[in-house]
N, C-alpha and C. Protein backbone atom coordinates (compact mmCIF):
# COMPACT_ATOMS: atom_id res chain seq x y z
N MET A 1 -18.80 -48.24 -31.28
CA MET A 1 -18.75 -46.81 -31.46
C MET A 1 -17.95 -46.18 -30.33
N GLU A 2 -17.19 -45.22 -30.66
CA GLU A 2 -16.37 -44.49 -29.69
C GLU A 2 -17.26 -43.70 -28.74
N ASP A 3 -16.91 -43.72 -27.45
CA ASP A 3 -17.73 -43.06 -26.44
C ASP A 3 -17.84 -41.55 -26.66
N THR A 4 -16.76 -40.91 -27.06
CA THR A 4 -16.81 -39.46 -27.26
C THR A 4 -17.80 -39.10 -28.38
N TYR A 5 -17.80 -39.92 -29.44
CA TYR A 5 -18.75 -39.70 -30.53
C TYR A 5 -20.19 -39.91 -30.04
N LEU A 6 -20.40 -40.99 -29.28
CA LEU A 6 -21.73 -41.25 -28.72
C LEU A 6 -22.21 -40.07 -27.88
N LEU A 7 -21.34 -39.58 -27.02
CA LEU A 7 -21.70 -38.46 -26.15
C LEU A 7 -22.05 -37.21 -26.96
N GLU A 8 -21.26 -36.93 -27.99
CA GLU A 8 -21.55 -35.77 -28.84
C GLU A 8 -22.92 -35.91 -29.49
N GLN A 9 -23.18 -37.09 -29.99
CA GLN A 9 -24.46 -37.33 -30.67
C GLN A 9 -25.64 -37.27 -29.69
N ILE A 10 -25.45 -37.79 -28.50
CA ILE A 10 -26.52 -37.75 -27.49
C ILE A 10 -26.81 -36.31 -27.11
N ARG A 11 -25.76 -35.51 -26.99
CA ARG A 11 -25.94 -34.08 -26.67
C ARG A 11 -26.72 -33.35 -27.78
N LEU A 12 -26.63 -33.90 -28.99
CA LEU A 12 -27.37 -33.33 -30.13
C LEU A 12 -28.76 -33.95 -30.27
N ASN A 13 -29.20 -34.66 -29.21
CA ASN A 13 -30.51 -35.33 -29.17
C ASN A 13 -30.67 -36.43 -30.21
N ASN A 14 -29.58 -37.10 -30.53
CA ASN A 14 -29.63 -38.24 -31.42
C ASN A 14 -30.08 -39.45 -30.60
N HIS A 15 -31.33 -39.84 -30.77
CA HIS A 15 -31.89 -40.93 -29.96
C HIS A 15 -31.27 -42.28 -30.32
N LYS A 16 -30.85 -42.43 -31.56
CA LYS A 16 -30.18 -43.68 -31.97
C LYS A 16 -28.85 -43.83 -31.21
N ALA A 17 -28.13 -42.73 -31.05
CA ALA A 17 -26.86 -42.77 -30.31
C ALA A 17 -27.13 -43.13 -28.85
N PHE A 18 -28.21 -42.60 -28.29
CA PHE A 18 -28.56 -42.94 -26.90
C PHE A 18 -28.88 -44.42 -26.80
N GLN A 19 -29.64 -44.95 -27.74
CA GLN A 19 -29.94 -46.39 -27.75
C GLN A 19 -28.66 -47.22 -27.86
N ASP A 20 -27.75 -46.77 -28.70
CA ASP A 20 -26.47 -47.48 -28.84
C ASP A 20 -25.69 -47.48 -27.53
N MET A 21 -25.70 -46.35 -26.84
CA MET A 21 -25.01 -46.26 -25.55
C MET A 21 -25.66 -47.18 -24.53
N VAL A 22 -26.99 -47.21 -24.51
CA VAL A 22 -27.70 -48.11 -23.58
C VAL A 22 -27.34 -49.55 -23.89
N MET A 23 -27.36 -49.92 -25.15
CA MET A 23 -27.03 -51.31 -25.53
C MET A 23 -25.59 -51.66 -25.13
N LYS A 24 -24.70 -50.72 -25.31
CA LYS A 24 -23.29 -50.96 -25.01
C LYS A 24 -23.06 -51.14 -23.50
N TYR A 25 -23.76 -50.36 -22.67
CA TYR A 25 -23.48 -50.34 -21.24
C TYR A 25 -24.57 -50.94 -20.36
N GLN A 26 -25.60 -51.46 -20.94
CA GLN A 26 -26.71 -52.01 -20.18
C GLN A 26 -26.26 -53.12 -19.22
N GLY A 27 -25.47 -54.05 -19.70
CA GLY A 27 -24.98 -55.14 -18.86
C GLY A 27 -24.16 -54.63 -17.69
N LEU A 28 -23.28 -53.69 -17.95
CA LEU A 28 -22.44 -53.12 -16.90
C LEU A 28 -23.30 -52.48 -15.81
N VAL A 29 -24.29 -51.72 -16.21
CA VAL A 29 -25.13 -51.00 -15.25
C VAL A 29 -25.98 -51.99 -14.45
N ILE A 30 -26.62 -52.93 -15.11
CA ILE A 30 -27.46 -53.91 -14.41
C ILE A 30 -26.61 -54.74 -13.45
N ASN A 31 -25.46 -55.19 -13.88
CA ASN A 31 -24.59 -55.99 -13.01
C ASN A 31 -24.12 -55.19 -11.80
N THR A 32 -23.80 -53.93 -12.00
CA THR A 32 -23.38 -53.09 -10.89
C THR A 32 -24.52 -52.95 -9.88
N CYS A 33 -25.70 -52.65 -10.37
CA CYS A 33 -26.86 -52.52 -9.48
C CYS A 33 -27.16 -53.84 -8.77
N TYR A 34 -27.06 -54.93 -9.50
CA TYR A 34 -27.33 -56.25 -8.90
C TYR A 34 -26.32 -56.56 -7.79
N GLY A 35 -25.08 -56.13 -7.98
CA GLY A 35 -24.07 -56.35 -6.95
C GLY A 35 -24.43 -55.72 -5.61
N PHE A 36 -25.23 -54.66 -5.65
CA PHE A 36 -25.66 -54.01 -4.42
C PHE A 36 -27.04 -54.48 -3.95
N LEU A 37 -27.91 -54.77 -4.90
CA LEU A 37 -29.31 -55.05 -4.56
C LEU A 37 -29.62 -56.53 -4.44
N HIS A 38 -28.87 -57.38 -5.12
CA HIS A 38 -29.06 -58.84 -5.07
C HIS A 38 -30.46 -59.25 -5.51
N ASN A 39 -31.05 -58.45 -6.37
CA ASN A 39 -32.39 -58.73 -6.87
C ASN A 39 -32.43 -58.26 -8.32
N LYS A 40 -32.67 -59.21 -9.22
CA LYS A 40 -32.60 -58.92 -10.65
C LYS A 40 -33.62 -57.86 -11.07
N SER A 41 -34.83 -57.98 -10.60
CA SER A 41 -35.89 -57.04 -10.98
C SER A 41 -35.56 -55.62 -10.50
N ASP A 42 -35.13 -55.49 -9.25
CA ASP A 42 -34.74 -54.19 -8.73
C ASP A 42 -33.56 -53.62 -9.50
N ALA A 43 -32.59 -54.47 -9.81
CA ALA A 43 -31.41 -54.02 -10.56
C ALA A 43 -31.82 -53.49 -11.93
N GLN A 44 -32.74 -54.16 -12.59
CA GLN A 44 -33.21 -53.69 -13.89
C GLN A 44 -33.95 -52.36 -13.77
N ASP A 45 -34.76 -52.23 -12.73
CA ASP A 45 -35.49 -50.97 -12.51
C ASP A 45 -34.52 -49.81 -12.26
N ILE A 46 -33.53 -50.06 -11.40
CA ILE A 46 -32.56 -49.01 -11.09
C ILE A 46 -31.72 -48.69 -12.33
N ALA A 47 -31.41 -49.70 -13.13
CA ALA A 47 -30.65 -49.46 -14.37
C ALA A 47 -31.41 -48.50 -15.28
N GLN A 48 -32.72 -48.65 -15.36
CA GLN A 48 -33.51 -47.72 -16.16
C GLN A 48 -33.38 -46.30 -15.60
N GLU A 49 -33.43 -46.18 -14.28
CA GLU A 49 -33.26 -44.87 -13.66
C GLU A 49 -31.89 -44.28 -13.96
N VAL A 50 -30.88 -45.13 -13.99
CA VAL A 50 -29.52 -44.67 -14.30
C VAL A 50 -29.48 -44.06 -15.69
N PHE A 51 -30.07 -44.75 -16.67
CA PHE A 51 -30.03 -44.24 -18.04
C PHE A 51 -30.90 -42.99 -18.21
N ILE A 52 -31.98 -42.91 -17.46
CA ILE A 52 -32.79 -41.69 -17.48
C ILE A 52 -31.96 -40.52 -16.94
N GLU A 53 -31.25 -40.79 -15.84
CA GLU A 53 -30.38 -39.76 -15.25
C GLU A 53 -29.30 -39.33 -16.24
N VAL A 54 -28.71 -40.29 -16.93
CA VAL A 54 -27.67 -39.98 -17.93
C VAL A 54 -28.26 -39.08 -19.01
N PHE A 55 -29.43 -39.44 -19.50
CA PHE A 55 -30.05 -38.65 -20.56
C PHE A 55 -30.34 -37.23 -20.10
N ARG A 56 -30.84 -37.10 -18.87
CA ARG A 56 -31.18 -35.77 -18.34
C ARG A 56 -29.95 -34.91 -18.07
N SER A 57 -28.86 -35.56 -17.66
CA SER A 57 -27.70 -34.77 -17.22
C SER A 57 -26.49 -34.91 -18.14
N ILE A 58 -26.70 -35.32 -19.36
CA ILE A 58 -25.58 -35.52 -20.28
C ILE A 58 -24.81 -34.21 -20.50
N SER A 59 -25.48 -33.09 -20.43
CA SER A 59 -24.79 -31.81 -20.65
C SER A 59 -23.83 -31.48 -19.50
N LYS A 60 -24.04 -32.11 -18.33
CA LYS A 60 -23.18 -31.86 -17.17
C LYS A 60 -21.90 -32.72 -17.20
N PHE A 61 -21.91 -33.76 -18.04
CA PHE A 61 -20.73 -34.63 -18.11
C PHE A 61 -19.61 -33.88 -18.82
N ARG A 62 -18.47 -33.74 -18.13
CA ARG A 62 -17.38 -32.91 -18.62
C ARG A 62 -16.24 -33.69 -19.30
N ASN A 63 -16.43 -34.97 -19.52
CA ASN A 63 -15.41 -35.82 -20.15
C ASN A 63 -14.10 -35.87 -19.37
N GLU A 64 -14.17 -35.60 -18.06
CA GLU A 64 -12.96 -35.69 -17.24
C GLU A 64 -12.65 -37.14 -16.85
N SER A 65 -13.63 -38.00 -16.99
CA SER A 65 -13.44 -39.42 -16.75
C SER A 65 -14.08 -40.18 -17.90
N LYS A 66 -13.89 -41.48 -17.89
CA LYS A 66 -14.50 -42.29 -18.94
C LYS A 66 -16.01 -42.35 -18.71
N LEU A 67 -16.74 -42.58 -19.77
CA LEU A 67 -18.19 -42.73 -19.68
C LEU A 67 -18.54 -43.88 -18.73
N SER A 68 -17.80 -44.98 -18.80
CA SER A 68 -18.09 -46.13 -17.94
C SER A 68 -17.92 -45.76 -16.46
N THR A 69 -16.94 -44.94 -16.15
CA THR A 69 -16.72 -44.50 -14.76
C THR A 69 -17.93 -43.70 -14.28
N TRP A 70 -18.40 -42.80 -15.12
CA TRP A 70 -19.57 -42.00 -14.79
C TRP A 70 -20.79 -42.90 -14.57
N LEU A 71 -20.96 -43.89 -15.43
CA LEU A 71 -22.09 -44.82 -15.30
C LEU A 71 -21.99 -45.64 -14.02
N TYR A 72 -20.77 -46.10 -13.68
CA TYR A 72 -20.58 -46.81 -12.41
C TYR A 72 -20.99 -45.92 -11.24
N ARG A 73 -20.55 -44.68 -11.26
CA ARG A 73 -20.82 -43.76 -10.15
C ARG A 73 -22.33 -43.55 -9.99
N ILE A 74 -23.01 -43.32 -11.09
CA ILE A 74 -24.47 -43.13 -11.03
C ILE A 74 -25.15 -44.42 -10.56
N SER A 75 -24.69 -45.55 -11.06
CA SER A 75 -25.28 -46.85 -10.68
C SER A 75 -25.12 -47.11 -9.20
N VAL A 76 -23.94 -46.86 -8.67
CA VAL A 76 -23.69 -47.06 -7.24
C VAL A 76 -24.59 -46.14 -6.43
N ASN A 77 -24.63 -44.86 -6.79
CA ASN A 77 -25.44 -43.90 -6.04
C ASN A 77 -26.93 -44.25 -6.08
N LYS A 78 -27.43 -44.59 -7.25
CA LYS A 78 -28.85 -44.96 -7.37
C LYS A 78 -29.15 -46.22 -6.56
N SER A 79 -28.24 -47.19 -6.60
CA SER A 79 -28.45 -48.43 -5.84
C SER A 79 -28.46 -48.16 -4.34
N LEU A 80 -27.51 -47.37 -3.87
CA LEU A 80 -27.46 -47.05 -2.44
C LEU A 80 -28.67 -46.23 -2.01
N ASN A 81 -29.11 -45.32 -2.85
CA ASN A 81 -30.33 -44.55 -2.54
C ASN A 81 -31.54 -45.48 -2.45
N PHE A 82 -31.61 -46.42 -3.36
CA PHE A 82 -32.72 -47.38 -3.35
C PHE A 82 -32.72 -48.18 -2.05
N ILE A 83 -31.54 -48.64 -1.65
CA ILE A 83 -31.43 -49.41 -0.40
C ILE A 83 -31.86 -48.55 0.78
N ARG A 84 -31.34 -47.34 0.84
CA ARG A 84 -31.68 -46.45 1.95
C ARG A 84 -33.18 -46.15 1.99
N ASP A 85 -33.75 -45.85 0.83
CA ASP A 85 -35.17 -45.50 0.76
C ASP A 85 -36.08 -46.67 1.08
N ASN A 86 -35.58 -47.87 0.91
CA ASN A 86 -36.43 -49.04 1.09
C ASN A 86 -36.14 -49.82 2.36
N LYS A 87 -35.34 -49.27 3.25
CA LYS A 87 -35.05 -49.97 4.51
C LYS A 87 -36.33 -50.25 5.29
N LYS A 88 -37.30 -49.35 5.18
CA LYS A 88 -38.55 -49.52 5.92
C LYS A 88 -39.27 -50.79 5.49
N ASN A 89 -39.10 -51.15 4.24
CA ASN A 89 -39.79 -52.32 3.71
C ASN A 89 -38.88 -53.55 3.66
N SER A 90 -37.80 -53.53 4.40
CA SER A 90 -36.80 -54.59 4.27
C SER A 90 -37.34 -55.97 4.63
N TRP A 91 -38.28 -56.03 5.56
CA TRP A 91 -38.82 -57.33 5.93
C TRP A 91 -39.54 -57.96 4.74
N PHE A 92 -40.34 -57.13 4.04
CA PHE A 92 -41.07 -57.63 2.88
C PHE A 92 -40.10 -57.95 1.74
N GLN A 93 -39.07 -57.13 1.59
CA GLN A 93 -38.08 -57.40 0.55
C GLN A 93 -37.35 -58.70 0.82
N SER A 94 -37.07 -58.98 2.09
CA SER A 94 -36.40 -60.23 2.42
C SER A 94 -37.25 -61.42 2.02
N LEU A 95 -38.55 -61.31 2.26
CA LEU A 95 -39.44 -62.39 1.84
C LEU A 95 -39.46 -62.52 0.32
N ASP A 96 -39.56 -61.38 -0.37
CA ASP A 96 -39.55 -61.41 -1.83
C ASP A 96 -38.26 -62.02 -2.34
N LEU A 97 -37.15 -61.61 -1.75
CA LEU A 97 -35.84 -62.13 -2.15
C LEU A 97 -35.76 -63.63 -1.93
N LEU A 98 -36.27 -64.08 -0.80
CA LEU A 98 -36.26 -65.50 -0.49
C LEU A 98 -37.06 -66.27 -1.54
N PHE A 99 -38.26 -65.78 -1.86
CA PHE A 99 -39.09 -66.47 -2.85
C PHE A 99 -38.48 -66.38 -4.24
N GLU A 100 -37.88 -65.25 -4.56
CA GLU A 100 -37.24 -65.11 -5.86
C GLU A 100 -36.06 -66.07 -5.98
N LYS A 101 -35.27 -66.18 -4.92
CA LYS A 101 -34.12 -67.09 -4.96
C LYS A 101 -34.59 -68.53 -5.06
N GLU A 102 -35.68 -68.86 -4.37
CA GLU A 102 -36.21 -70.22 -4.49
C GLU A 102 -36.63 -70.48 -5.93
N LYS A 103 -37.32 -69.51 -6.52
CA LYS A 103 -37.77 -69.66 -7.90
C LYS A 103 -36.56 -69.73 -8.84
N SER A 104 -35.60 -68.81 -8.65
CA SER A 104 -34.46 -68.78 -9.55
C SER A 104 -33.58 -70.02 -9.39
N SER A 105 -33.52 -70.57 -8.17
CA SER A 105 -32.71 -71.78 -8.00
C SER A 105 -33.35 -72.94 -8.73
N LYS A 106 -34.68 -72.96 -8.82
CA LYS A 106 -35.35 -74.01 -9.58
C LYS A 106 -35.05 -73.86 -11.06
N GLU A 107 -34.93 -72.61 -11.50
CA GLU A 107 -34.62 -72.36 -12.90
C GLU A 107 -33.16 -72.66 -13.21
N LYS A 108 -32.26 -72.34 -12.28
CA LYS A 108 -30.82 -72.47 -12.52
C LYS A 108 -30.34 -73.91 -12.46
N PHE A 109 -30.88 -74.68 -11.54
CA PHE A 109 -30.35 -76.01 -11.31
C PHE A 109 -31.26 -77.06 -11.91
N PRO A 110 -30.68 -78.02 -12.60
CA PRO A 110 -31.51 -79.07 -13.18
C PRO A 110 -32.14 -79.94 -12.08
N ASP A 111 -33.25 -80.59 -12.44
CA ASP A 111 -33.96 -81.43 -11.49
C ASP A 111 -33.09 -82.56 -10.95
N SER A 112 -32.05 -82.94 -11.69
CA SER A 112 -31.21 -84.05 -11.27
C SER A 112 -30.29 -83.69 -10.10
N GLU A 113 -30.10 -82.38 -9.84
CA GLU A 113 -29.23 -81.97 -8.75
C GLU A 113 -29.95 -82.16 -7.41
N ASN A 114 -29.19 -82.54 -6.42
CA ASN A 114 -29.72 -82.83 -5.10
C ASN A 114 -30.34 -81.57 -4.49
N PRO A 115 -31.60 -81.64 -4.05
CA PRO A 115 -32.24 -80.45 -3.45
C PRO A 115 -31.50 -79.94 -2.21
N GLN A 116 -30.90 -80.83 -1.46
CA GLN A 116 -30.13 -80.42 -0.27
C GLN A 116 -28.95 -79.55 -0.69
N GLU A 117 -28.26 -79.93 -1.77
CA GLU A 117 -27.13 -79.15 -2.27
C GLU A 117 -27.59 -77.77 -2.75
N ILE A 118 -28.75 -77.75 -3.40
CA ILE A 118 -29.29 -76.48 -3.89
C ILE A 118 -29.55 -75.55 -2.72
N MET A 119 -30.19 -76.07 -1.68
CA MET A 119 -30.50 -75.26 -0.50
C MET A 119 -29.24 -74.76 0.19
N GLU A 120 -28.22 -75.63 0.28
CA GLU A 120 -26.97 -75.23 0.91
C GLU A 120 -26.28 -74.12 0.12
N LYS A 121 -26.28 -74.23 -1.21
CA LYS A 121 -25.68 -73.18 -2.04
C LYS A 121 -26.41 -71.86 -1.87
N GLU A 122 -27.73 -71.91 -1.85
CA GLU A 122 -28.52 -70.70 -1.67
C GLU A 122 -28.27 -70.08 -0.30
N GLU A 123 -28.18 -70.92 0.72
CA GLU A 123 -27.93 -70.41 2.08
C GLU A 123 -26.56 -69.74 2.16
N LYS A 124 -25.56 -70.36 1.54
CA LYS A 124 -24.22 -69.76 1.53
C LYS A 124 -24.23 -68.42 0.81
N SER A 125 -24.93 -68.35 -0.33
CA SER A 125 -25.01 -67.10 -1.07
C SER A 125 -25.68 -66.02 -0.24
N GLN A 126 -26.79 -66.38 0.40
CA GLN A 126 -27.50 -65.40 1.23
C GLN A 126 -26.62 -64.93 2.39
N THR A 127 -25.86 -65.83 2.96
CA THR A 127 -24.99 -65.47 4.08
C THR A 127 -23.91 -64.49 3.63
N VAL A 128 -23.31 -64.77 2.48
CA VAL A 128 -22.26 -63.88 1.96
C VAL A 128 -22.85 -62.52 1.60
N TYR A 129 -23.98 -62.50 0.90
CA TYR A 129 -24.62 -61.23 0.55
C TYR A 129 -24.98 -60.43 1.79
N LYS A 130 -25.49 -61.10 2.80
CA LYS A 130 -25.87 -60.42 4.05
C LYS A 130 -24.62 -59.81 4.70
N ALA A 131 -23.52 -60.58 4.72
CA ALA A 131 -22.28 -60.06 5.31
C ALA A 131 -21.78 -58.85 4.54
N ILE A 132 -21.86 -58.90 3.22
CA ILE A 132 -21.43 -57.76 2.39
C ILE A 132 -22.32 -56.55 2.67
N ASP A 133 -23.62 -56.79 2.76
CA ASP A 133 -24.56 -55.69 3.02
C ASP A 133 -24.32 -55.02 4.36
N GLU A 134 -23.74 -55.74 5.32
CA GLU A 134 -23.49 -55.19 6.65
C GLU A 134 -22.17 -54.42 6.75
N LEU A 135 -21.38 -54.44 5.69
CA LEU A 135 -20.13 -53.68 5.69
C LEU A 135 -20.44 -52.18 5.73
N PRO A 136 -19.52 -51.38 6.27
CA PRO A 136 -19.68 -49.92 6.15
C PRO A 136 -19.79 -49.55 4.67
N GLN A 137 -20.51 -48.49 4.39
CA GLN A 137 -20.86 -48.15 3.02
C GLN A 137 -19.68 -48.10 2.05
N ASN A 138 -18.61 -47.39 2.38
CA ASN A 138 -17.47 -47.29 1.45
C ASN A 138 -16.79 -48.63 1.24
N GLN A 139 -16.70 -49.45 2.28
CA GLN A 139 -16.13 -50.79 2.12
C GLN A 139 -17.01 -51.62 1.19
N LYS A 140 -18.31 -51.51 1.37
CA LYS A 140 -19.26 -52.27 0.54
C LYS A 140 -19.13 -51.85 -0.93
N ILE A 141 -19.05 -50.56 -1.16
CA ILE A 141 -18.93 -50.07 -2.54
C ILE A 141 -17.63 -50.58 -3.16
N ALA A 142 -16.52 -50.38 -2.48
CA ALA A 142 -15.22 -50.80 -3.02
C ALA A 142 -15.20 -52.31 -3.25
N PHE A 143 -15.67 -53.07 -2.27
CA PHE A 143 -15.65 -54.54 -2.39
C PHE A 143 -16.53 -55.01 -3.54
N THR A 144 -17.72 -54.45 -3.66
CA THR A 144 -18.64 -54.86 -4.71
C THR A 144 -18.07 -54.55 -6.09
N LEU A 145 -17.52 -53.35 -6.25
CA LEU A 145 -16.94 -53.00 -7.54
C LEU A 145 -15.72 -53.86 -7.87
N TYR A 146 -14.96 -54.22 -6.86
CA TYR A 146 -13.76 -55.04 -7.08
C TYR A 146 -14.12 -56.50 -7.38
N LYS A 147 -14.96 -57.09 -6.54
CA LYS A 147 -15.25 -58.52 -6.66
C LYS A 147 -16.29 -58.84 -7.72
N PHE A 148 -17.36 -58.04 -7.80
CA PHE A 148 -18.44 -58.36 -8.72
C PHE A 148 -18.27 -57.71 -10.08
N GLU A 149 -17.62 -56.57 -10.12
CA GLU A 149 -17.45 -55.86 -11.39
C GLU A 149 -16.03 -55.99 -11.94
N ASN A 150 -15.12 -56.56 -11.16
CA ASN A 150 -13.73 -56.77 -11.58
C ASN A 150 -13.04 -55.47 -12.00
N LEU A 151 -13.37 -54.38 -11.32
CA LEU A 151 -12.69 -53.11 -11.61
C LEU A 151 -11.33 -53.10 -10.94
N SER A 152 -10.41 -52.39 -11.56
CA SER A 152 -9.08 -52.22 -10.97
C SER A 152 -9.16 -51.21 -9.83
N TYR A 153 -8.12 -51.17 -9.02
CA TYR A 153 -8.07 -50.19 -7.93
C TYR A 153 -8.21 -48.77 -8.50
N LYS A 154 -7.55 -48.52 -9.62
CA LYS A 154 -7.59 -47.19 -10.23
C LYS A 154 -9.00 -46.84 -10.66
N GLU A 155 -9.69 -47.79 -11.27
CA GLU A 155 -11.07 -47.53 -11.72
C GLU A 155 -12.00 -47.29 -10.53
N ILE A 156 -11.83 -48.07 -9.47
CA ILE A 156 -12.66 -47.88 -8.28
C ILE A 156 -12.39 -46.51 -7.67
N ALA A 157 -11.13 -46.12 -7.64
CA ALA A 157 -10.76 -44.81 -7.11
C ALA A 157 -11.45 -43.69 -7.90
N GLU A 158 -11.51 -43.85 -9.22
CA GLU A 158 -12.18 -42.86 -10.06
C GLU A 158 -13.68 -42.83 -9.77
N VAL A 159 -14.30 -44.01 -9.65
CA VAL A 159 -15.74 -44.07 -9.38
C VAL A 159 -16.06 -43.44 -8.04
N MET A 160 -15.25 -43.76 -7.02
CA MET A 160 -15.52 -43.29 -5.66
C MET A 160 -14.91 -41.91 -5.39
N ASP A 161 -14.09 -41.45 -6.32
CA ASP A 161 -13.44 -40.15 -6.21
C ASP A 161 -12.56 -40.05 -4.95
N ILE A 162 -11.76 -41.11 -4.74
CA ILE A 162 -10.79 -41.13 -3.65
C ILE A 162 -9.48 -41.72 -4.18
N SER A 163 -8.44 -41.70 -3.35
CA SER A 163 -7.13 -42.16 -3.80
C SER A 163 -7.05 -43.69 -3.89
N ILE A 164 -6.09 -44.15 -4.64
CA ILE A 164 -5.87 -45.60 -4.78
C ILE A 164 -5.48 -46.20 -3.44
N SER A 165 -4.67 -45.50 -2.66
CA SER A 165 -4.29 -46.03 -1.35
C SER A 165 -5.52 -46.16 -0.43
N SER A 166 -6.48 -45.26 -0.57
CA SER A 166 -7.72 -45.38 0.20
C SER A 166 -8.50 -46.62 -0.23
N ILE A 167 -8.49 -46.91 -1.51
CA ILE A 167 -9.16 -48.11 -2.03
C ILE A 167 -8.49 -49.36 -1.45
N GLU A 168 -7.17 -49.37 -1.47
CA GLU A 168 -6.44 -50.51 -0.90
C GLU A 168 -6.83 -50.73 0.55
N SER A 169 -6.90 -49.65 1.29
CA SER A 169 -7.26 -49.72 2.70
C SER A 169 -8.70 -50.20 2.88
N LEU A 170 -9.61 -49.67 2.08
CA LEU A 170 -11.02 -50.08 2.17
C LEU A 170 -11.19 -51.57 1.86
N LEU A 171 -10.50 -52.03 0.83
CA LEU A 171 -10.61 -53.44 0.45
C LEU A 171 -10.00 -54.35 1.51
N PHE A 172 -8.88 -53.93 2.07
CA PHE A 172 -8.25 -54.71 3.14
C PHE A 172 -9.21 -54.84 4.32
N ARG A 173 -9.79 -53.72 4.74
CA ARG A 173 -10.72 -53.73 5.88
C ARG A 173 -11.99 -54.52 5.55
N ALA A 174 -12.47 -54.38 4.32
CA ALA A 174 -13.67 -55.11 3.92
C ALA A 174 -13.44 -56.62 3.99
N LYS A 175 -12.29 -57.06 3.50
CA LYS A 175 -11.98 -58.50 3.53
C LYS A 175 -11.86 -58.99 4.97
N LYS A 176 -11.21 -58.21 5.80
CA LYS A 176 -11.07 -58.59 7.23
C LYS A 176 -12.45 -58.65 7.89
N ASN A 177 -13.26 -57.63 7.67
CA ASN A 177 -14.59 -57.60 8.26
C ASN A 177 -15.45 -58.77 7.78
N LEU A 178 -15.37 -59.07 6.50
CA LEU A 178 -16.13 -60.20 5.97
C LEU A 178 -15.66 -61.52 6.59
N GLN A 179 -14.36 -61.64 6.70
CA GLN A 179 -13.81 -62.85 7.30
C GLN A 179 -14.34 -63.04 8.72
N VAL A 180 -14.31 -61.98 9.52
CA VAL A 180 -14.81 -62.05 10.90
C VAL A 180 -16.29 -62.38 10.91
N LYS A 181 -17.09 -61.70 10.09
CA LYS A 181 -18.53 -61.93 10.04
C LYS A 181 -18.85 -63.38 9.66
N LEU A 182 -18.16 -63.89 8.66
CA LEU A 182 -18.44 -65.25 8.19
C LEU A 182 -17.97 -66.30 9.20
N ILE A 183 -16.83 -66.06 9.83
CA ILE A 183 -16.36 -66.99 10.86
C ILE A 183 -17.35 -67.02 12.02
N ASN A 184 -17.80 -65.85 12.45
CA ASN A 184 -18.79 -65.78 13.53
C ASN A 184 -20.09 -66.48 13.14
N TYR A 185 -20.52 -66.28 11.91
CA TYR A 185 -21.75 -66.91 11.46
C TYR A 185 -21.62 -68.43 11.51
N TYR A 186 -20.53 -68.95 11.00
CA TYR A 186 -20.39 -70.40 10.93
C TYR A 186 -20.12 -71.01 12.31
N LYS A 187 -19.54 -70.23 13.22
CA LYS A 187 -19.38 -70.71 14.59
C LYS A 187 -20.74 -70.87 15.27
N LYS A 188 -21.64 -69.90 15.00
CA LYS A 188 -22.98 -69.95 15.59
C LYS A 188 -23.82 -71.07 14.98
N ASN A 189 -23.59 -71.35 13.74
CA ASN A 189 -24.41 -72.35 13.05
C ASN A 189 -23.60 -73.61 12.85
């Protein structure tokens, strides 16, 4: 279904059109949230909040950008707000994340795979996610949308409401910062 038609129908309180929009963009929203939160359950919870926000504020959407751009923007903002609001509980979240990753690694990898390899893969993933999380906010947003969501520079510029040259600069600095962080990490370990 065409997005403009979906939006018109949602504005007319057509709940079926809203369901269709959720089905169409659910994966995009969850993946975007997961790229920031690194926790499937949290990403799903925030995705629900994103769609609630869309439903509440559909009349404010002016069709100046694509629906997907608007959804990315809301997803990024909701994810960053969640991170900010939950910094106080970060120690407990780290433990939850650790246990979730242990559980998910058991689900993802067959029993025949070497447990040492599984642990090394998980450690590398955690190290990369931690390095990404430590980036300055705009670098983190641009990098996550580029690497995890495969958005073009133009699409990221629309989501972040900045110029394409600013996106290029943010991504360049993010890659450099990640490189330094990861080199330092591996030198220490």
